[in-house]
């Protein structure tokens, strides 16, 4: 009987998640995201708690290539899950470095002091990347990338924005 009593709460969460997803795809939110990226050069995506934006939605080509592999996707998901837990616990912004060496920022969106969404931004470097950095980053996926995709990953990696503290 307890399972049946929980159904309205679960259904409410599903409706809230669907409504949130629809809102984030609205022209107004899309316009704000585009303006933020244009002004700062940084990605900007908002996702309901427990729903991580897909890497191809964020805007970093390197992340999309790596995230398109099983090992890369698992590595990114593990980091983002830990970060979201930290954001929920701290109820404040968390800056982190992913396994590939990119810096990201996660900021909680609060409603009545409740963490309802996370704003994800970043996927940039704090210093210019080196060949050694790329070798360590690409090692995440092992042999899951063929030569062509490794070349595209290299171009995308070194084309990723570098945002220094001064900037």
Foldseek 3Di string as FASTA:
>chain_A
DVVVVCVVVVVVVVVVQVVVVVVCPDPVNVVVQVVCCVVPVKFKGKHWQPDDDQQVNRPQPLLNLQCVAPLSVVQVVVVVVVLSVVCQVVQAKDWDAGQLGWIKIWHFDDDPNHGTMIMIMTRAHQDQDDPVSLVSNVVSRPPRDDPVSSVVSVVSNRVGHHDHPVD
